[in-house]
Amino acid sequence: MKDQPLTWSTRIDPHAGRIQTQQGSKLPRGYTLIVHSAVKARAEMTTPPFTASESLRALSTVFAIYDSERSSRLQTIG
């Protein structure tokens, strides 16, 4: 991971318009661990860490977040 911290801004109070900075460990987490677990399960022909429907739900959530940011509107995940 880069030595620089993750930064982002939000339009939602109480931090609207302020730059936020990640305060925490840079150890592998999130997508890195999920992808590693999925690839390992496939290589070893074992049960994956999540089902296809769980994967679809996660992707739907991520895309709803992107759509919400782009449109400045709440998105329904269903």
Protein backbone atom coordinates (compact mmCIF):
# COMPACT_ATOMS: atom_id res chain seq x y z
CA MET A 1 0.00 0.00 0.00
CA LYS A 2 1.10 3.55 -0.52
CA ASP A 3 2.64 5.43 2.37
CA GLN A 4 0.13 8.23 1.91
CA PRO A 5 -3.13 7.94 3.90
CA LEU A 6 -6.48 7.53 2.19
CA THR A 7 -8.36 10.85 1.96
CA TRP A 8 -11.92 11.66 0.86
CA SER A 9 -14.60 14.33 1.19
CA THR A 10 -18.27 14.08 1.98
CA ARG A 11 -21.37 16.15 1.36
CA ILE A 12 -23.07 14.94 4.53
CA ASP A 13 -23.01 16.80 7.86
CA PRO A 14 -21.20 17.13 10.20
CA HIS A 15 -18.16 16.79 7.92
CA ALA A 16 -19.60 18.37 4.74
CA GLY A 17 -16.92 19.93 2.60
CA ARG A 18 -14.05 18.84 4.85
CA ILE A 19 -11.31 16.46 3.80
CA GLN A 20 -11.35 13.25 5.85
CA THR A 21 -8.22 11.15 6.37
CA GLN A 22 -7.96 7.48 7.25
CA GLN A 23 -6.44 6.98 10.67
CA GLY A 24 -5.45 3.38 11.07
CA SER A 25 -3.42 0.41 10.06
CA LYS A 26 -2.23 -0.10 6.50
CA LEU A 27 -2.08 -3.87 6.91
CA PRO A 28 -3.85 -5.82 4.15
CA ARG A 29 -7.61 -5.86 4.65
CA GLY A 30 -10.83 -5.51 2.70
CA TYR A 31 -10.60 -6.44 -0.96
CA THR A 32 -7.05 -7.77 -0.66
CA LEU A 33 -8.06 -10.43 1.87
CA ILE A 34 -11.28 -11.30 0.04
CA VAL A 35 -9.57 -11.76 -3.32
CA HIS A 36 -6.78 -13.78 -1.73
CA SER A 37 -9.31 -16.06 0.00
CA ALA A 38 -11.33 -16.56 -3.19
CA VAL A 39 -8.29 -17.37 -5.33
CA LYS A 40 -6.92 -19.74 -2.69
CA ALA A 41 -10.27 -21.56 -2.42
CA ARG A 42 -10.41 -21.99 -6.19
CA ALA A 43 -6.82 -23.19 -6.44
CA GLU A 44 -7.34 -25.72 -3.66
CA MET A 45 -10.85 -26.68 -4.84
CA THR A 46 -12.35 -25.85 -1.45
CA THR A 47 -15.46 -23.91 -0.47
CA PRO A 48 -15.18 -20.20 -1.35
CA PRO A 49 -15.43 -17.65 1.46
CA PHE A 50 -18.75 -16.35 0.08
CA THR A 51 -21.58 -17.50 -2.15
CA ALA A 52 -22.47 -16.15 -5.58
CA SER A 53 -25.52 -14.36 -4.16
CA GLU A 54 -23.41 -12.79 -1.40
CA SER A 55 -20.95 -11.61 -4.04
CA LEU A 56 -23.75 -10.11 -6.14
CA ARG A 57 -25.13 -8.30 -3.09
CA ALA A 58 -21.69 -6.84 -2.33
CA LEU A 59 -21.24 -5.65 -5.91
CA SER A 60 -24.74 -4.15 -5.94
CA THR A 61 -23.88 -2.25 -2.77
CA VAL A 62 -20.61 -0.92 -4.19
CA PHE A 63 -22.25 0.22 -7.43
CA ALA A 64 -25.08 1.88 -5.45
CA ILE A 65 -22.45 3.82 -3.50
CA TYR A 66 -20.84 4.99 -6.75
CA ASP A 67 -24.23 5.90 -8.24
CA SER A 68 -25.18 7.81 -5.10
CA GLU A 69 -21.99 9.84 -5.21
CA ARG A 70 -22.32 10.56 -8.92
CA SER A 71 -25.99 11.57 -8.73
CA SER A 72 -26.01 13.08 -5.20
CA ARG A 73 -29.10 10.97 -4.50
CA LEU A 74 -29.85 8.09 -2.16
CA GLN A 75 -29.89 4.71 -3.84
CA THR A 76 -32.02 1.71 -2.96
CA ILE A 77 -30.31 -1.65 -2.86
CA GLY A 78 -32.66 -4.47 -3.52
